[in-house]
PDB file of N, CA and C in Angstrom:
ATOM      1  N   MET A   1       0.903  -1.137  -0.124  1.00  0.00           N
ATOM      2  CA  MET A   1       0.052  -0.103   0.096  1.00  0.00           C
ATOM      3  C   MET A   1       0.896   1.199  -0.142  1.00  0.00           C
ATOM      4  N   ASN A   2       0.330   2.310  -0.667  1.00  0.00           N
ATOM      5  CA  ASN A   2       0.941   3.366  -0.681  1.00  0.00           C
ATOM      6  C   ASN A   2       0.674   4.387   0.445  1.00  0.00           C
ATOM      7  N   GLY A   3       1.159   5.506   0.772  1.00  0.00           N
ATOM      8  CA  GLY A   3       1.004   6.339   1.922  1.00  0.00           C
ATOM      9  C   GLY A   3      -0.464   6.940   1.864  1.00  0.00           C
ATOM     10  N   LEU A   4      -1.031   7.320   0.539  1.00  0.00           N
ATOM     11  CA  LEU A   4      -2.351   7.808   0.563  1.00  0.00           C
ATOM     12  C   LEU A   4      -3.406   6.663   0.898  1.00  0.00           C
ATOM     13  N   SER A   5      -3.263   5.486   0.570  1.00  0.00           N
ATOM     14  CA  SER A   5      -4.210   4.529   0.850  1.00  0.00           C
ATOM     15  C   SER A   5      -4.153   4.328   2.316  1.00  0.00           C
ATOM     16  N   ASP A   6      -2.986   4.360   3.061  1.00  0.00           N
ATOM     17  CA  ASP A   6      -3.002   4.261   4.508  1.00  0.00           C
ATOM     18  C   ASP A   6      -3.861   5.461   5.243  1.00  0.00           C
ATOM     19  N   VAL A   7      -3.719   6.630   4.650  1.00  0.00           N
ATOM     20  CA  VAL A   7      -4.365   7.823   5.059  1.00  0.00           C
ATOM     21  C   VAL A   7      -5.922   7.581   4.826  1.00  0.00           C
ATOM     22  N   ARG A   8      -6.400   7.070   3.842  1.00  0.00           N
ATOM     23  CA  ARG A   8      -7.661   6.837   3.462  1.00  0.00           C
ATOM     24  C   ARG A   8      -8.382   5.806   4.545  1.00  0.00           C
ATOM     25  N   LEU A   9      -7.686   4.617   4.692  1.00  0.00           N
ATOM     26  CA  LEU A   9      -8.149   3.629   5.602  1.00  0.00           C
ATOM     27  C   LEU A   9      -8.167   4.142   6.921  1.00  0.00           C
ATOM     28  N   THR A  10      -7.215   5.053   7.485  1.00  0.00           N
ATOM     29  CA  THR A  10      -7.329   5.667   8.795  1.00  0.00           C
ATOM     30  C   THR A  10      -8.536   6.475   8.993  1.00  0.00           C
ATOM     31  N   LEU A  11      -8.604   7.441   8.004  1.00  0.00           N
ATOM     32  CA  LEU A  11      -9.819   8.351   7.934  1.00  0.00           C
ATOM     33  C   LEU A  11     -11.148   7.428   7.985  1.00  0.00           C
ATOM     34  N   HIS A  12     -11.172   6.442   7.177  1.00  0.00           N
ATOM     35  CA  HIS A  12     -12.571   5.690   6.983  1.00  0.00           C
ATOM     36  C   HIS A  12     -12.788   4.991   8.226  1.00  0.00           C
ATOM     37  N   SER A  13     -11.781   4.498   9.052  1.00  0.00           N
ATOM     38  CA  SER A  13     -11.998   3.844  10.326  1.00  0.00           C
ATOM     39  C   SER A  13     -12.410   4.679  11.223  1.00  0.00           C
ATOM     40  N   GLN A  14     -11.932   6.049  11.233  1.00  0.00           N
ATOM     41  CA  GLN A  14     -12.387   7.173  12.265  1.00  0.00           C
ATOM     42  C   GLN A  14     -13.770   7.375  11.984  1.00  0.00           C
ATOM     43  N   GLU A  15     -14.205   7.456  10.600  1.00  0.00           N
ATOM     44  CA  GLU A  15     -15.643   7.787  10.311  1.00  0.00           C
ATOM     45  C   GLU A  15     -16.510   6.824  10.793  1.00  0.00           C
ATOM     46  N   LEU A  16     -16.018   5.369  10.670  1.00  0.00           N
ATOM     47  CA  LEU A  16     -16.829   4.293  11.281  1.00  0.00           C
ATOM     48  C   LEU A  16     -17.084   4.302  12.828  1.00  0.00           C
ATOM     49  N   VAL A  17     -16.107   4.494  13.590  1.00  0.00           N
ATOM     50  CA  VAL A  17     -16.113   4.735  14.958  1.00  0.00           C
ATOM     51  C   VAL A  17     -17.055   5.783  15.377  1.00  0.00           C
ATOM     52  N   ALA A  18     -16.899   7.063  14.545  1.00  0.00           N
ATOM     53  CA  ALA A  18     -17.631   8.032  14.871  1.00  0.00           C
ATOM     54  C   ALA A  18     -19.136   7.804  14.643  1.00  0.00           C
ATOM     55  N   GLY A  19     -19.472   7.073  13.567  1.00  0.00           N
ATOM     56  CA  GLY A  19     -20.878   6.656  13.264  1.00  0.00           C
ATOM     57  C   GLY A  19     -21.407   5.649  14.094  1.00  0.00           C
ATOM     58  N   GLN A  20     -20.529   4.736  14.859  1.00  0.00           N
ATOM     59  CA  GLN A  20     -20.920   3.964  15.791  1.00  0.00           C
ATOM     60  C   GLN A  20     -21.267   4.610  17.149  1.00  0.00           C
ATOM     61  N   ASP A  21     -20.508   5.619  17.322  1.00  0.00           N
ATOM     62  CA  ASP A  21     -20.735   6.433  18.740  1.00  0.00           C
ATOM     63  C   ASP A  21     -22.036   7.032  18.685  1.00  0.00           C
ATOM     64  N   LYS A  22     -22.610   7.645  17.465  1.00  0.00           N
ATOM     65  CA  LYS A  22     -23.988   8.136  17.394  1.00  0.00           C
ATOM     66  C   LYS A  22     -25.028   7.188  17.904  1.00  0.00           C
ATOM     67  N   GLY A  23     -24.847   5.782  17.705  1.00  0.00           N
ATOM     68  CA  GLY A  23     -25.757   4.962  18.154  1.00  0.00           C
ATOM     69  C   GLY A  23     -26.952   4.665  17.174  1.00  0.00           C
ATOM     70  N   LEU A  24     -28.054   4.381  17.866  1.00  0.00           N
ATOM     71  CA  LEU A  24     -29.288   4.193  16.979  1.00  0.00           C
ATOM     72  C   LEU A  24     -30.053   5.432  16.632  1.00  0.00           C
ATOM     73  N   ARG A  25     -29.572   6.568  17.375  1.00  0.00           N
ATOM     74  CA  ARG A  25     -30.542   7.741  17.155  1.00  0.00           C
ATOM     75  C   ARG A  25     -30.924   8.265  15.816  1.00  0.00           C
ATOM     76  N   ASN A  26     -29.893   8.097  14.791  1.00  0.00           N
ATOM     77  CA  ASN A  26     -30.113   8.344  13.345  1.00  0.00           C
ATOM     78  C   ASN A  26     -30.738   7.476  12.461  1.00  0.00           C
ATOM     79  N   THR A  27     -30.999   6.168  13.134  1.00  0.00           N
ATOM     80  CA  THR A  27     -31.423   5.071  12.175  1.00  0.00           C
ATOM     81  C   THR A  27     -32.966   5.352  11.757  1.00  0.00           C
ATOM     82  N   MET A  28     -33.680   6.056  12.459  1.00  0.00           N
ATOM     83  CA  MET A  28     -35.030   6.396  12.080  1.00  0.00           C
ATOM     84  C   MET A  28     -35.086   7.225  10.743  1.00  0.00           C
ATOM     85  N   SER A  29     -34.163   8.323  10.800  1.00  0.00           N
ATOM     86  CA  SER A  29     -34.028   9.257   9.793  1.00  0.00           C
ATOM     87  C   SER A  29     -32.963   9.049   8.787  1.00  0.00           C
ATOM     88  N   ARG A  30     -32.522   7.791   8.657  1.00  0.00           N
ATOM     89  CA  ARG A  30     -31.345   7.518   7.901  1.00  0.00           C
ATOM     90  C   ARG A  30     -31.093   8.244   6.613  1.00  0.00           C
ATOM     91  N   ASN A  31     -31.973   8.116   5.784  1.00  0.00           N
ATOM     92  CA  ASN A  31     -31.979   8.739   4.346  1.00  0.00           C
ATOM     93  C   ASN A  31     -33.110   9.817   4.135  1.00  0.00           C
ATOM     94  N   ALA A  32     -33.657  10.209   5.224  1.00  0.00           N
ATOM     95  CA  ALA A  32     -34.826  11.292   5.045  1.00  0.00           C
ATOM     96  C   ALA A  32     -34.157  12.666   5.482  1.00  0.00           C
ATOM     97  N   PRO A  33     -34.922  13.569   4.886  1.00  0.00           N
ATOM     98  CA  PRO A  33     -34.327  15.083   5.113  1.00  0.00           C
ATOM     99  C   PRO A  33     -34.639  15.298   6.584  1.00  0.00           C
ATOM    100  N   ALA A  34     -33.672  16.157   7.192  1.00  0.00           N
ATOM    101  CA  ALA A  34     -33.712  16.346   8.710  1.00  0.00           C
ATOM    102  C   ALA A  34     -34.878  17.046   9.153  1.00  0.00           C
ATOM    103  N   HIS A  35     -35.530  17.908   8.182  1.00  0.00           N
ATOM    104  CA  HIS A  35     -36.585  18.727   8.549  1.00  0.00           C
ATOM    105  C   HIS A  35     -37.971  18.052   8.839  1.00  0.00           C
ATOM    106  N   LEU A  36     -37.940  16.969   8.427  1.00  0.00           N
ATOM    107  CA  LEU A  36     -39.199  16.066   8.453  1.00  0.00           C
ATOM    108  C   LEU A  36     -39.716  15.693   9.965  1.00  0.00           C
ATOM    109  N   SER A  37     -41.150  15.900  10.027  1.00  0.00           N
ATOM    110  CA  SER A  37     -41.718  15.566  11.437  1.00  0.00           C
ATOM    111  C   SER A  37     -41.797  13.936  11.382  1.00  0.00           C
ATOM    112  N   ARG A  38     -42.311  13.406  12.416  1.00  0.00           N
ATOM    113  CA  ARG A  38     -42.280  11.975  12.552  1.00  0.00           C
ATOM    114  C   ARG A  38     -43.419  11.510  11.424  1.00  0.00           C
ATOM    115  N   TRP A  39     -44.436  12.341  11.379  1.00  0.00           N
ATOM    116  CA  TRP A  39     -45.651  11.920  10.493  1.00  0.00           C
ATOM    117  C   TRP A  39     -45.289  12.008   9.130  1.00  0.00           C
ATOM    118  N   ASP A  40     -44.405  13.076   8.712  1.00  0.00           N
ATOM    119  CA  ASP A  40     -43.936  13.282   7.369  1.00  0.00           C
ATOM    120  C   ASP A  40     -43.110  12.199   6.942  1.00  0.00           C
ATOM    121  N   LEU A  41     -42.236  11.728   7.990  1.00  0.00           N
ATOM    122  CA  LEU A  41     -41.293  10.474   7.753  1.00  0.00           C
ATOM    123  C   LEU A  41     -42.048   9.248   7.486  1.00  0.00           C
ATOM    124  N   PHE A  42     -43.116   8.977   8.311  1.00  0.00           N
ATOM    125  CA  PHE A  42     -44.132   7.882   8.010  1.00  0.00           C
ATOM    126  C   PHE A  42     -44.648   8.021   6.696  1.00  0.00           C
ATOM    127  N   TRP A  43     -45.080   9.100   6.394  1.00  0.00           N
ATOM    128  CA  TRP A  43     -45.765   9.172   4.996  1.00  0.00           C
ATOM    129  C   TRP A  43     -44.820   9.030   4.039  1.00  0.00           C
ATOM    130  N   LEU A  44     -43.612   9.536   4.005  1.00  0.00           N
ATOM    131  CA  LEU A  44     -42.508   9.311   3.057  1.00  0.00           C
ATOM    132  C   LEU A  44     -42.246   7.754   2.824  1.00  0.00           C
ATOM    133  N   ARG A  45     -42.096   7.155   4.055  1.00  0.00           N
ATOM    134  CA  ARG A  45     -41.746   5.559   3.986  1.00  0.00           C
ATOM    135  C   ARG A  45     -43.046   4.960   3.304  1.00  0.00           C
ATOM    136  N   LEU A  46     -44.126   5.256   3.775  1.00  0.00           N
ATOM    137  CA  LEU A  46     -45.214   4.457   3.032  1.00  0.00           C
ATOM    138  C   LEU A  46     -45.299   4.679   1.685  1.00  0.00           C
ATOM    139  N   HIS A  47     -45.110   5.907   1.021  1.00  0.00           N
ATOM    140  CA  HIS A  47     -45.144   6.113  -0.367  1.00  0.00           C
ATOM    141  C   HIS A  47     -43.881   5.503  -1.099  1.00  0.00           C
ATOM    142  N   THR A  48     -42.737   5.671  -0.570  1.00  0.00           N
ATOM    143  CA  THR A  48     -41.544   5.176  -1.279  1.00  0.00           C
ATOM    144  C   THR A  48     -41.737   3.626  -1.183  1.00  0.00           C
ATOM    145  N   ARG A  49     -42.100   2.894  -0.196  1.00  0.00           N
ATOM    146  CA  ARG A  49     -42.119   1.580  -0.045  1.00  0.00           C
ATOM    147  C   ARG A  49     -43.110   1.043  -1.190  1.00  0.00           C
ATOM    148  N   LYS A  50     -44.155   1.893  -1.236  1.00  0.00           N
ATOM    149  CA  LYS A  50     -45.196   1.223  -2.180  1.00  0.00           C
ATOM    150  C   LYS A  50     -44.593   1.329  -3.622  1.00  0.00           C
ATOM    151  N   ALA A  51     -43.895   2.567  -3.743  1.00  0.00           N
ATOM    152  CA  ALA A  51     -43.183   2.646  -5.095  1.00  0.00           C
ATOM    153  C   ALA A  51     -42.121   1.574  -5.456  1.00  0.00           C
ATOM    154  N   LEU A  52     -41.487   1.242  -4.529  1.00  0.00           N
ATOM    155  CA  LEU A  52     -40.469   0.253  -4.658  1.00  0.00           C
ATOM    156  C   LEU A  52     -41.077  -1.112  -5.115  1.00  0.00           C
ATOM    157  N   LEU A  53     -42.395  -1.423  -4.662  1.00  0.00           N
ATOM    158  CA  LEU A  53     -43.025  -2.750  -5.072  1.00  0.00           C
ATOM    159  C   LEU A  53     -43.330  -2.696  -6.584  1.00  0.00           C
ATOM    160  N   THR A  54     -43.232  -1.457  -7.161  1.00  0.00           N
ATOM    161  CA  THR A  54     -43.867  -1.298  -8.531  1.00  0.00           C
ATOM    162  C   THR A  54     -42.668  -1.135  -9.509  1.00  0.00           C
ATOM    163  N   LEU A  55     -41.433  -1.170  -9.134  1.00  0.00           N
ATOM    164  CA  LEU A  55     -40.270  -0.895 -10.038  1.00  0.00           C
ATOM    165  C   LEU A  55     -40.040  -2.204 -10.936  1.00  0.00           C
ATOM    166  N   THR A  56     -39.516  -2.065 -12.241  1.00  0.00           N
ATOM    167  CA  THR A  56     -39.299  -3.043 -13.025  1.00  0.00           C
ATOM    168  C   THR A  56     -38.032  -3.733 -12.624  1.00  0.00           C
ATOM    169  N   PRO A  57     -37.563  -4.878 -13.222  1.00  0.00           N
ATOM    170  CA  PRO A  57     -36.310  -5.442 -12.858  1.00  0.00           C
ATOM    171  C   PRO A  57     -35.141  -4.647 -13.201  1.00  0.00           C
ATOM    172  N   GLU A  58     -35.376  -3.868 -14.247  1.00  0.00           N
ATOM    173  CA  GLU A  58     -34.269  -2.891 -14.819  1.00  0.00           C
ATOM    174  C   GLU A  58     -34.014  -1.866 -13.762  1.00  0.00           C
ATOM    175  N   GLN A  59     -35.096  -1.229 -13.505  1.00  0.00           N
ATOM    176  CA  GLN A  59     -35.070  -0.201 -12.309  1.00  0.00           C
ATOM    177  C   GLN A  59     -34.327  -0.675 -10.971  1.00  0.00           C
ATOM    178  N   LEU A  60     -34.936  -1.949 -10.596  1.00  0.00           N
ATOM    179  CA  LEU A  60     -34.220  -2.473  -9.324  1.00  0.00           C
ATOM    180  C   LEU A  60     -32.790  -2.763  -9.549  1.00  0.00           C
ATOM    181  N   ARG A  61     -32.242  -3.140 -10.592  1.00  0.00           N
ATOM    182  CA  ARG A  61     -30.907  -3.456 -11.106  1.00  0.00           C
ATOM    183  C   ARG A  61     -30.192  -1.996 -10.753  1.00  0.00           C
ATOM    184  N   ASP A  62     -30.884  -0.999 -11.251  1.00  0.00           N
ATOM    185  CA  ASP A  62     -30.179   0.296 -11.246  1.00  0.00           C
ATOM    186  C   ASP A  62     -29.820   0.826  -9.880  1.00  0.00           C
ATOM    187  N   ILE A  63     -30.789   0.386  -8.843  1.00  0.00           N
ATOM    188  CA  ILE A  63     -30.708   0.693  -7.435  1.00  0.00           C
ATOM    189  C   ILE A  63     -29.912  -0.200  -6.663  1.00  0.00           C
ATOM    190  N   GLY A  64     -29.566  -1.398  -7.216  1.00  0.00           N
ATOM    191  CA  GLY A  64     -28.900  -2.510  -6.705  1.00  0.00           C
ATOM    192  C   GLY A  64     -29.525  -3.398  -5.880  1.00  0.00           C
ATOM    193  N   LEU A  65     -30.881  -3.628  -6.133  1.00  0.00           N
ATOM    194  CA  LEU A  65     -31.670  -4.521  -5.405  1.00  0.00           C
ATOM    195  C   LEU A  65     -32.226  -5.614  -6.265  1.00  0.00           C
ATOM    196  N   ASP A  66     -32.512  -6.805  -5.723  1.00  0.00           N
ATOM    197  CA  ASP A  66     -33.254  -7.841  -6.478  1.00  0.00           C
ATOM    198  C   ASP A  66     -34.680  -7.659  -5.981  1.00  0.00           C
ATOM    199  N   ARG A  67     -35.493  -8.562  -6.801  1.00  0.00           N
ATOM    200  CA  ARG A  67     -36.830  -8.456  -6.490  1.00  0.00           C
ATOM    201  C   ARG A  67     -37.247  -8.830  -5.104  1.00  0.00           C
ATOM    202  N   GLU A  68     -36.630  -9.718  -4.616  1.00  0.00           N
ATOM    203  CA  GLU A  68     -36.939 -10.201  -3.187  1.00  0.00           C
ATOM    204  C   GLU A  68     -36.469  -9.105  -2.103  1.00  0.00           C
ATOM    205  N   GLN A  69     -35.215  -8.592  -2.269  1.00  0.00           N
ATOM    206  CA  GLN A  69     -35.044  -7.343  -1.396  1.00  0.00           C
ATOM    207  C   GLN A  69     -35.939  -6.180  -1.455  1.00  0.00           C
ATOM    208  N   ALA A  70     -36.335  -5.996  -2.757  1.00  0.00           N
ATOM    209  CA  ALA A  70     -37.447  -4.945  -2.980  1.00  0.00           C
ATOM    210  C   ALA A  70     -38.809  -5.280  -2.135  1.00  0.00           C
ATOM    211  N   ARG A  71     -39.156  -6.596  -2.196  1.00  0.00           N
ATOM    212  CA  ARG A  71     -40.420  -6.971  -1.815  1.00  0.00           C
ATOM    213  C   ARG A  71     -40.240  -6.858  -0.143  1.00  0.00           C
ATOM    214  N   GLU A  72     -39.127  -7.396   0.352  1.00  0.00           N
ATOM    215  CA  GLU A  72     -39.033  -7.420   1.760  1.00  0.00           C
ATOM    216  C   GLU A  72     -39.166  -5.934   2.325  1.00  0.00           C
ATOM    217  N   GLU A  73     -38.475  -5.082   1.598  1.00  0.00           N
ATOM    218  CA  GLU A  73     -38.429  -3.644   2.176  1.00  0.00           C
ATOM    219  C   GLU A  73     -39.851  -2.978   1.739  1.00  0.00           C
ATOM    220  N   GLY A  74     -40.363  -3.264   0.662  1.00  0.00           N
ATOM    221  CA  GLY A  74     -41.746  -2.839   0.312  1.00  0.00           C
ATOM    222  C   GLY A  74     -42.898  -3.092   1.070  1.00  0.00           C
ATOM    223  N   LEU A  75     -42.708  -4.323   1.894  1.00  0.00           N
ATOM    224  CA  LEU A  75     -43.901  -4.829   2.694  1.00  0.00           C
ATOM    225  C   LEU A  75     -43.623  -4.513   4.170  1.00  0.00           C
ATOM    226  N   LYS A  76     -42.446  -3.823   4.517  1.00  0.00           N
ATOM    227  CA  LYS A  76     -42.250  -3.551   5.856  1.00  0.00           C
ATOM    228  C   LYS A  76     -43.350  -2.383   6.311  1.00  0.00           C
ATOM    229  N   PRO A  77     -43.793  -2.548   7.453  1.00  0.00           N
ATOM    230  CA  PRO A  77     -44.799  -1.396   7.935  1.00  0.00           C
ATOM    231  C   PRO A  77     -44.106  -0.027   7.996  1.00  0.00           C
ATOM    232  N   PHE A  78     -44.853   1.039   7.591  1.00  0.00           N
ATOM    233  CA  PHE A  78     -44.270   2.299   7.619  1.00  0.00           C
ATOM    234  C   PHE A  78     -43.659   2.881   8.946  1.00  0.00           C
ATOM    235  N   TRP A  79     -44.002   2.292   9.995  1.00  0.00           N
ATOM    236  CA  TRP A  79     -43.506   2.806  11.362  1.00  0.00           C
ATOM    237  C   TRP A  79     -42.106   2.129  11.705  1.00  0.00           C
ATOM    238  N   ARG A  80     -41.683   1.177  10.819  1.00  0.00           N
ATOM    239  CA  ARG A  80     -40.389   0.584  11.172  1.00  0.00           C
ATOM    240  C   ARG A  80     -39.421   1.228  10.275  1.00  0.00           C
ATOM    241  N   GLY A  81     -38.246   1.398  10.778  1.00  0.00           N
ATOM    242  CA  GLY A  81     -37.135   2.085  10.086  1.00  0.00           C
ATOM    243  C   GLY A  81     -36.441   1.464   9.190  1.00  0.00           C
TER     244      GLY A  81
END
């Protein structure tokens, strides 16, 4: 490894540790905008999960999911993160 790779690995490991220190408090709004209320977050989950169930195989491949993964996520209740 060259020196730059060592620096990247060190920084990445520090980011991982920092992320673990935050614990579970960010899991609920992992990919949602910070300004959303709890009800807005529920609404967003409900609609995006329904949309996930309607994607074509090509669209699922674009986002890196297979049909079973999409089905599993799409059928989750909106109140689960």
